[in-house]
Amino acid sequence: MHDYLLVLRGAERTFAAMADVWPQAPIYTLLYDDDATSGRFEDHPVTTSPLQRTGARQNGFRRLLPLLPLAARHLPVEDADLVVSSSSAFAHGVRPGAGAVHVCYCHSPFRYAWHERGRALEEAPAPLRPAVDGMLGAIRRWDRKSTEGVTEYIANSNITRERIQKFWGRDASVVHPPVAVERFHQERPEDFFLFVGEVVRHKRLELALQAARKADVPMKVVGTGPDLERLETEYGETADFVGRAGDGQLESLYARARALVVPNVEEFGITAVEAQAAGRPVVAAAAGGALETVVDGETGVHFPPGDVDALAEVMRYSDFESFDQDRIVGRARRFSVRRFQKRLHEAVRKVAGRPSLPAPA
């Protein structure tokens, strides 16, 4: 089970690696777009919620937010004796039958109901904020109640484990997400800094663009989202907005970048590992997943979260060519798909208490 399969980004690629462990297993999801996920899940039988009939896709599914928790609870998984969910919002709320084992791999508790509730209210039109606040409060209550149906949580990082404990009062083990490190290669680096991710406020792209402008250094932005038009208008003269990039183009951009910039506090940060797999250092906010993936002074540089001036100084004065590319690549290999699948399978088998659980494919 995964929240929604409408794009093929970090959480969806993680779920794809999970699905590959049990290739005969049916998939359940609230919304599904086979084309947008490049047919990655077409070998599995996929069951969606009734909301699929709305035709909602990545750029419009958020309008269904009030309906998503209920839709998750009513997905027809009651005949399963083992459910493995992948959740950053509602997937952990599925309701298997009595006696079933439910293992949830949690990317994050639903950010807009918990640690970014204030930002969600800021982004809502002022007249609607009381209604949005009430809706998010209801989702929080639903969220806590849903944890009662989860046998075991697995967090994708230490910060996610801490949030699971803080918000839900549940313990969790940690299994870092997979990165297809073998996809990436090294090239001669050029002079630009790179951002890769969805262009939404919580990714803090504007912080990186402000720092690049202060440092007078070029920057390329890969990604789309609701903030794209505004940021392109304001920073289009000093940054190159690439839009969505295909795998081959993205792999080359990683390899040619002076460094990847991760301005947000990420739960894990798959892009940081992808850049390192291409031999390039990472400039990352010193919190969250970056503390587990980026070794300061060895595979990248940390800066105080939210500090534009500090980030600009790093971008202007750091000697990124002094980093050992082979050493960076070696560090990235700690997060391989094979290692993730092995650890996930072992964790699920331990919780389910079933030595005969089919081995990873």
Protein backbone atom coordinates (compact mmCIF):
# COMPACT_ATOMS: atom_id res chain seq x y z
CA MET A 1 0.00 0.00 0.00
CA HIS A 2 1.25 3.49 -0.92
CA ASP A 3 -0.51 6.84 -0.49
CA TYR A 4 -0.84 7.72 -4.19
CA LEU A 5 1.14 6.70 -7.26
CA LEU A 6 0.96 9.83 -9.42
CA VAL A 7 4.66 10.57 -10.00
CA LEU A 8 7.93 8.67 -9.75
CA ARG A 9 9.98 10.55 -7.18
CA GLY A 10 11.79 9.55 -4.01
CA ALA A 11 8.90 8.02 -2.05
CA GLU A 12 7.51 6.26 -5.13
CA ARG A 13 10.93 4.87 -6.08
CA THR A 14 11.27 3.59 -2.53
CA PHE A 15 7.87 1.94 -2.81
CA ALA A 16 8.88 0.41 -6.15
CA ALA A 17 11.88 -1.20 -4.45
CA MET A 18 9.53 -2.47 -1.73
CA ALA A 19 7.14 -3.92 -4.30
CA ASP A 20 10.03 -5.70 -6.01
CA VAL A 21 10.71 -7.64 -2.82
CA TRP A 22 7.35 -9.41 -3.26
CA PRO A 23 6.65 -9.30 -7.02
CA GLN A 24 3.39 -11.27 -6.80
CA ALA A 25 1.80 -9.00 -4.20
CA PRO A 26 -1.22 -6.86 -5.12
CA ILE A 27 -0.80 -3.09 -4.74
CA TYR A 28 -3.37 -0.78 -3.14
CA THR A 29 -3.26 2.99 -3.51
CA LEU A 30 -5.67 5.91 -3.33
CA LEU A 31 -4.88 7.30 -6.79
CA TYR A 32 -2.86 5.83 -9.66
CA ASP A 33 -1.41 7.18 -12.91
CA ASP A 34 0.32 4.42 -14.88
CA ASP A 35 1.77 6.81 -17.48
CA ALA A 36 3.19 9.25 -14.93
CA THR A 37 4.87 6.37 -13.09
CA SER A 38 6.36 5.04 -16.35
CA GLY A 39 4.56 1.71 -16.04
CA ARG A 40 6.76 0.85 -13.05
CA PHE A 41 3.94 -0.99 -11.25
CA GLU A 42 2.13 -2.57 -14.17
CA ASP A 43 3.31 -6.11 -13.28
CA HIS A 44 1.30 -5.94 -10.06
CA PRO A 45 -2.50 -5.95 -9.84
CA VAL A 46 -3.30 -2.39 -8.69
CA THR A 47 -6.47 -1.55 -6.73
CA THR A 48 -7.42 2.10 -6.23
CA SER A 49 -9.99 3.93 -4.13
CA PRO A 50 -13.28 5.23 -5.61
CA LEU A 51 -11.56 8.64 -5.83
CA GLN A 52 -9.75 7.34 -8.90
CA ARG A 53 -12.94 8.13 -10.82
CA THR A 54 -12.39 11.86 -10.22
CA GLY A 55 -9.47 11.74 -12.65
CA ALA A 56 -7.25 13.59 -10.16
CA ARG A 57 -3.58 13.71 -11.04
CA GLN A 58 -0.45 15.14 -9.40
CA ASN A 59 -1.33 18.76 -10.06
CA GLY A 60 -4.84 18.51 -8.61
CA PHE A 61 -5.14 15.70 -6.07
CA ARG A 62 -4.71 18.04 -3.10
CA ARG A 63 -8.26 19.29 -3.52
CA LEU A 64 -9.37 15.83 -2.40
CA LEU A 65 -7.57 16.17 0.94
CA PRO A 66 -10.69 16.03 3.16
CA LEU A 67 -11.71 12.72 1.53
CA LEU A 68 -8.36 10.92 1.53
CA PRO A 69 -8.31 9.60 5.12
CA LEU A 70 -11.74 7.97 4.76
CA ALA A 71 -10.78 6.55 1.36
CA ALA A 72 -7.65 4.97 2.86
CA ARG A 73 -9.61 3.37 5.68
CA HIS A 74 -12.02 1.74 3.21
CA LEU A 75 -9.53 0.21 0.81
CA PRO A 76 -10.43 -3.51 0.57
CA VAL A 77 -7.48 -5.13 2.35
CA GLU A 78 -9.52 -7.01 4.95
CA ASP A 79 -8.62 -10.42 3.46
CA ALA A 80 -4.85 -9.86 3.71
CA ASP A 81 -2.96 -11.46 6.57
CA LEU A 82 0.09 -9.22 5.99
CA VAL A 83 0.05 -5.58 4.84
CA VAL A 84 3.21 -3.59 4.14
CA SER A 85 2.41 0.10 3.73
CA SER A 86 4.55 3.02 2.57
CA SER A 87 3.18 6.20 4.13
CA SER A 88 3.87 9.92 4.20
CA ALA A 89 0.22 10.75 4.77
CA PHE A 90 -2.66 8.26 4.83
CA ALA A 91 -1.46 4.79 3.82
CA HIS A 92 -0.85 3.76 7.42
CA GLY A 93 -4.60 4.18 7.98
CA VAL A 94 -5.66 1.13 5.96
CA ARG A 95 -7.66 -1.33 7.99
CA PRO A 96 -6.71 -5.02 7.56
CA GLY A 97 -8.82 -7.73 9.09
CA ALA A 98 -8.54 -8.92 12.67
CA GLY A 99 -5.32 -10.78 13.34
CA ALA A 100 -3.48 -9.34 10.32
CA VAL A 101 0.04 -7.96 10.62
CA HIS A 102 0.54 -4.40 9.37
CA VAL A 103 4.11 -3.10 8.96
CA CYS A 104 4.33 0.58 7.98
CA TYR A 105 7.42 2.08 6.36
CA CYS A 106 6.97 5.74 7.28
CA HIS A 107 8.57 8.50 5.20
CA SER A 108 7.04 11.12 7.51
CA PRO A 109 3.89 11.71 9.52
CA PHE A 110 1.62 13.88 7.36
CA ARG A 111 3.63 17.10 7.46
CA TYR A 112 0.77 19.57 7.00
CA ALA A 113 -1.14 18.16 9.97
CA TRP A 114 1.89 18.02 12.26
CA HIS A 115 5.28 19.76 11.98
CA GLU A 116 4.26 22.07 9.10
CA ARG A 117 0.70 22.88 10.13
CA GLY A 118 1.57 26.58 10.45
CA ARG A 119 2.89 26.67 6.88
CA ALA A 120 -0.26 24.97 5.59
CA LEU A 121 -2.38 27.69 7.22
CA GLU A 122 -0.17 30.45 5.79
CA GLU A 123 -0.63 29.07 2.29
CA ALA A 124 -4.43 28.89 2.62
CA PRO A 125 -6.55 31.95 1.67
CA ALA A 126 -7.27 33.97 4.83
CA PRO A 127 -11.06 33.43 4.78
CA LEU A 128 -10.56 29.65 4.61
CA ARG A 129 -7.95 29.32 7.36
CA PRO A 130 -10.38 28.47 10.18
CA ALA A 131 -11.91 25.69 8.06
CA VAL A 132 -8.46 24.40 7.05
CA ASP A 133 -7.33 24.48 10.68
CA GLY A 134 -10.36 22.46 11.71
CA MET A 135 -9.76 19.94 8.92
CA LEU A 136 -6.11 19.49 9.91
CA GLY A 137 -7.13 19.01 13.52
CA ALA A 138 -9.53 16.26 12.43
CA ILE A 139 -6.77 14.62 10.39
CA ARG A 140 -4.50 14.65 13.45
CA ARG A 141 -7.14 12.84 15.48
CA TRP A 142 -7.65 10.33 12.64
CA ASP A 143 -3.87 9.93 12.38
CA ARG A 144 -3.43 9.04 16.05
CA LYS A 145 -6.33 6.62 15.91
CA SER A 146 -4.87 4.98 12.80
CA THR A 147 -1.64 4.10 14.61
CA GLU A 148 -3.62 1.55 16.64
CA GLY A 149 -3.95 -0.58 13.50
CA VAL A 150 -0.20 -0.68 12.80
CA THR A 151 1.76 -3.59 14.25
CA GLU A 152 5.19 -2.04 13.69
CA TYR A 153 6.59 1.20 12.28
CA ILE A 154 9.84 1.45 10.35
CA ALA A 155 11.17 5.01 9.91
CA ASN A 156 13.23 6.19 6.97
CA SER A 157 15.57 8.24 9.19
CA ASN A 158 16.25 9.27 12.76
CA ILE A 159 14.26 12.51 12.50
CA THR A 160 11.23 10.55 11.28
CA ARG A 161 11.63 8.10 14.15
CA GLU A 162 11.69 11.05 16.57
CA ARG A 163 8.52 12.50 15.02
CA ILE A 164 6.72 9.14 15.18
CA GLN A 165 7.54 9.02 18.88
CA LYS A 166 6.60 12.68 19.49
CA PHE A 167 3.35 12.79 17.51
CA TRP A 168 2.06 9.25 17.84
CA GLY A 169 3.77 7.84 20.92
CA ARG A 170 5.08 4.87 18.96
CA ASP A 171 8.59 3.45 18.68
CA ALA A 172 10.16 2.65 15.32
CA SER A 173 13.28 1.09 13.91
CA VAL A 174 15.20 2.85 11.11
CA VAL A 175 15.86 1.52 7.60
CA HIS A 176 17.26 4.14 5.23
CA PRO A 177 15.56 4.41 1.81
CA PRO A 178 17.11 2.87 -1.30
CA VAL A 179 18.99 4.76 -3.99
CA ALA A 180 19.79 3.19 -7.36
CA VAL A 181 23.42 4.26 -7.02
CA GLU A 182 24.50 2.22 -10.05
CA ARG A 183 22.48 4.57 -12.32
CA PHE A 184 24.93 7.41 -11.85
CA HIS A 185 28.31 8.20 -13.36
CA GLN A 186 31.03 10.82 -13.12
CA GLU A 187 31.72 13.62 -15.60
CA ARG A 188 33.90 16.71 -15.61
CA PRO A 189 32.20 19.16 -13.22
CA GLU A 190 31.11 22.59 -14.42
CA ASP A 191 30.47 25.83 -12.54
CA PHE A 192 26.75 25.64 -11.66
CA PHE A 193 25.03 24.61 -8.44
CA LEU A 194 22.03 22.30 -8.69
CA PHE A 195 18.67 21.97 -6.95
CA VAL A 196 16.49 18.90 -7.58
CA GLY A 197 13.02 18.58 -6.12
CA GLU A 198 9.42 19.65 -6.16
CA VAL A 199 9.05 23.43 -6.38
CA VAL A 200 6.95 23.92 -3.25
CA ARG A 201 7.56 26.19 -0.28
CA HIS A 202 8.60 23.53 2.20
CA LYS A 203 11.57 22.61 -0.03
CA ARG A 204 13.01 26.09 0.69
CA LEU A 205 14.20 26.58 -2.90
CA GLU A 206 13.90 30.36 -2.55
CA LEU A 207 16.51 30.26 0.22
CA ALA A 208 18.96 28.62 -2.20
CA LEU A 209 18.12 31.09 -4.97
CA GLN A 210 18.67 34.04 -2.64
CA ALA A 211 22.02 32.61 -1.55
CA ALA A 212 23.11 31.98 -5.14
CA ARG A 213 22.24 35.57 -6.01
CA LYS A 214 24.23 36.87 -3.02
CA ALA A 215 27.19 34.66 -3.93
CA ASP A 216 26.89 35.61 -7.62
CA VAL A 217 27.03 31.97 -8.72
CA PRO A 218 24.92 30.21 -11.39
CA MET A 219 22.25 27.71 -10.41
CA LYS A 220 20.07 25.21 -12.22
CA VAL A 221 16.68 24.14 -10.84
CA VAL A 222 15.20 20.76 -11.79
CA GLY A 223 11.57 20.28 -10.86
CA THR A 224 8.08 21.68 -11.16
CA GLY A 225 5.37 22.70 -8.74
CA PRO A 226 3.02 25.45 -7.62
CA ASP A 227 5.84 27.91 -6.81
CA LEU A 228 7.59 27.55 -10.17
CA GLU A 229 6.01 30.49 -11.99
CA ARG A 230 6.60 32.92 -9.11
CA LEU A 231 10.22 31.91 -8.57
CA GLU A 232 11.01 31.84 -12.28
CA THR A 233 9.67 35.39 -12.61
CA GLU A 234 11.74 36.62 -9.67
CA TYR A 235 14.98 34.69 -10.23
CA GLY A 236 14.87 33.80 -13.93
CA GLU A 237 17.73 36.18 -14.74
CA THR A 238 20.13 34.51 -12.32
CA ALA A 239 18.98 30.87 -12.37
CA ASP A 240 18.14 28.36 -15.09
CA PHE A 241 14.80 26.63 -14.47
CA VAL A 242 15.09 23.30 -16.29
CA GLY A 243 11.63 21.94 -15.40
CA ARG A 244 11.14 18.21 -15.20
CA ALA A 245 14.17 16.24 -16.41
CA GLY A 246 14.31 12.70 -17.76
CA ASP A 247 16.54 10.17 -16.06
CA GLY A 248 19.41 10.57 -18.52
CA GLN A 249 19.37 14.37 -18.35
CA LEU A 250 19.18 14.33 -14.56
CA GLU A 251 22.08 11.91 -14.24
CA SER A 252 24.23 14.18 -16.40
CA LEU A 253 23.22 17.29 -14.44
CA TYR A 254 24.21 15.62 -11.17
CA ALA A 255 27.59 14.62 -12.61
CA ARG A 256 28.34 18.08 -14.04
CA ALA A 257 27.19 20.17 -11.06
CA ARG A 258 29.68 21.94 -8.87
CA ALA A 259 27.55 20.74 -5.95
CA LEU A 260 23.96 19.88 -5.13
CA VAL A 261 22.17 22.27 -2.75
CA VAL A 262 19.65 20.86 -0.25
CA PRO A 263 18.21 23.95 1.51
CA ASN A 264 15.38 22.21 3.36
CA VAL A 265 15.54 19.99 6.44
CA GLU A 266 14.75 16.66 4.78
CA GLU A 267 13.49 13.52 6.48
CA PHE A 268 16.13 11.64 4.48
CA GLY A 269 16.96 13.37 1.19
CA ILE A 270 17.38 10.89 -1.67
CA THR A 271 18.70 13.60 -4.01
CA ALA A 272 21.68 14.10 -1.70
CA VAL A 273 22.64 10.44 -2.10
CA GLU A 274 22.03 10.55 -5.87
CA ALA A 275 24.42 13.48 -6.24
CA GLN A 276 27.05 11.64 -4.20
CA ALA A 277 26.58 8.54 -6.35
CA ALA A 278 27.63 10.80 -9.26
CA GLY A 279 30.72 11.84 -7.31
CA ARG A 280 29.54 15.35 -6.46
CA PRO A 281 29.51 16.97 -3.01
CA VAL A 282 26.34 18.26 -1.34
CA VAL A 283 25.65 21.55 0.44
CA ALA A 284 22.95 20.73 2.96
CA ALA A 285 21.11 22.23 5.92
CA ALA A 286 22.70 20.69 9.02
CA ALA A 287 19.66 18.87 10.35
CA GLY A 288 17.44 15.90 9.62
CA GLY A 289 18.49 13.31 7.09
CA ALA A 290 21.53 15.28 5.91
CA LEU A 291 23.24 14.43 9.19
CA GLU A 292 22.98 10.76 8.18
CA THR A 293 23.81 11.07 4.47
CA VAL A 294 26.26 13.98 4.11
CA VAL A 295 29.60 13.82 5.95
CA ASP A 296 30.68 17.41 6.57
CA GLY A 297 34.07 18.07 4.99
CA GLU A 298 34.19 14.66 3.31
CA THR A 299 31.14 14.33 1.06
CA GLY A 300 29.80 17.86 1.37
CA VAL A 301 29.35 20.95 3.54
CA HIS A 302 26.73 21.64 6.19
CA PHE A 303 25.29 25.09 6.87
CA PRO A 304 22.94 26.33 9.63
CA PRO A 305 19.32 25.72 8.53
CA GLY A 306 17.60 28.82 7.18
CA ASP A 307 20.77 30.97 7.12
CA VAL A 308 20.97 32.62 3.67
CA ASP A 309 24.26 34.38 4.38
CA ALA A 310 25.95 31.22 5.61
CA LEU A 311 24.75 29.30 2.55
CA ALA A 312 25.98 32.10 0.24
CA GLU A 313 29.39 31.99 1.92
CA VAL A 314 29.63 28.24 1.43
CA MET A 315 28.67 28.58 -2.23
CA ARG A 316 31.15 31.41 -2.85
CA TYR A 317 34.23 30.21 -0.96
CA SER A 318 34.19 26.40 -0.61
CA ASP A 319 36.70 24.48 -2.71
CA PHE A 320 34.43 21.79 -4.09
CA GLU A 321 37.10 20.44 -6.41
CA SER A 322 39.16 19.34 -3.43
CA PHE A 323 36.62 16.63 -2.55
CA ASP A 324 37.62 13.08 -3.46
CA GLN A 325 34.98 11.90 -5.95
CA ASP A 326 35.70 8.19 -5.48
CA ARG A 327 35.37 8.57 -1.73
CA ILE A 328 32.03 10.35 -2.18
CA VAL A 329 30.77 7.54 -4.44
CA GLY A 330 31.88 4.96 -1.88
CA ARG A 331 29.83 6.67 0.80
CA ALA A 332 26.75 6.68 -1.42
CA ARG A 333 26.90 2.91 -1.84
CA ARG A 334 25.78 2.50 1.78
CA PHE A 335 22.26 3.24 0.54
CA SER A 336 21.98 0.72 -2.29
CA VAL A 337 18.66 -0.83 -3.30
CA ARG A 338 19.89 -4.34 -2.51
CA ARG A 339 20.85 -3.39 1.04
CA PHE A 340 17.50 -1.68 1.61
CA GLN A 341 15.52 -4.66 0.34
CA LYS A 342 17.45 -7.09 2.50
CA ARG A 343 16.93 -4.99 5.64
CA LEU A 344 13.25 -4.41 4.89
CA HIS A 345 12.59 -8.09 4.30
CA GLU A 346 14.34 -9.05 7.52
CA ALA A 347 12.34 -6.46 9.48
CA VAL A 348 8.99 -7.58 8.04
CA ARG A 349 9.79 -11.25 8.58
CA LYS A 350 10.74 -10.57 12.20
CA VAL A 351 7.48 -8.71 12.91
CA ALA A 352 5.32 -11.22 11.05
CA GLY A 353 7.03 -14.14 12.81
CA ARG A 354 7.02 -16.11 9.58
CA PRO A 355 10.36 -17.72 8.68
CA SER A 356 8.78 -18.96 5.44
CA LEU A 357 7.96 -15.42 4.24
CA PRO A 358 9.07 -15.37 0.57
CA ALA A 359 12.60 -14.06 0.17
CA PRO A 360 13.32 -10.88 -1.82
CA ALA A 361 13.06 -11.41 -5.56
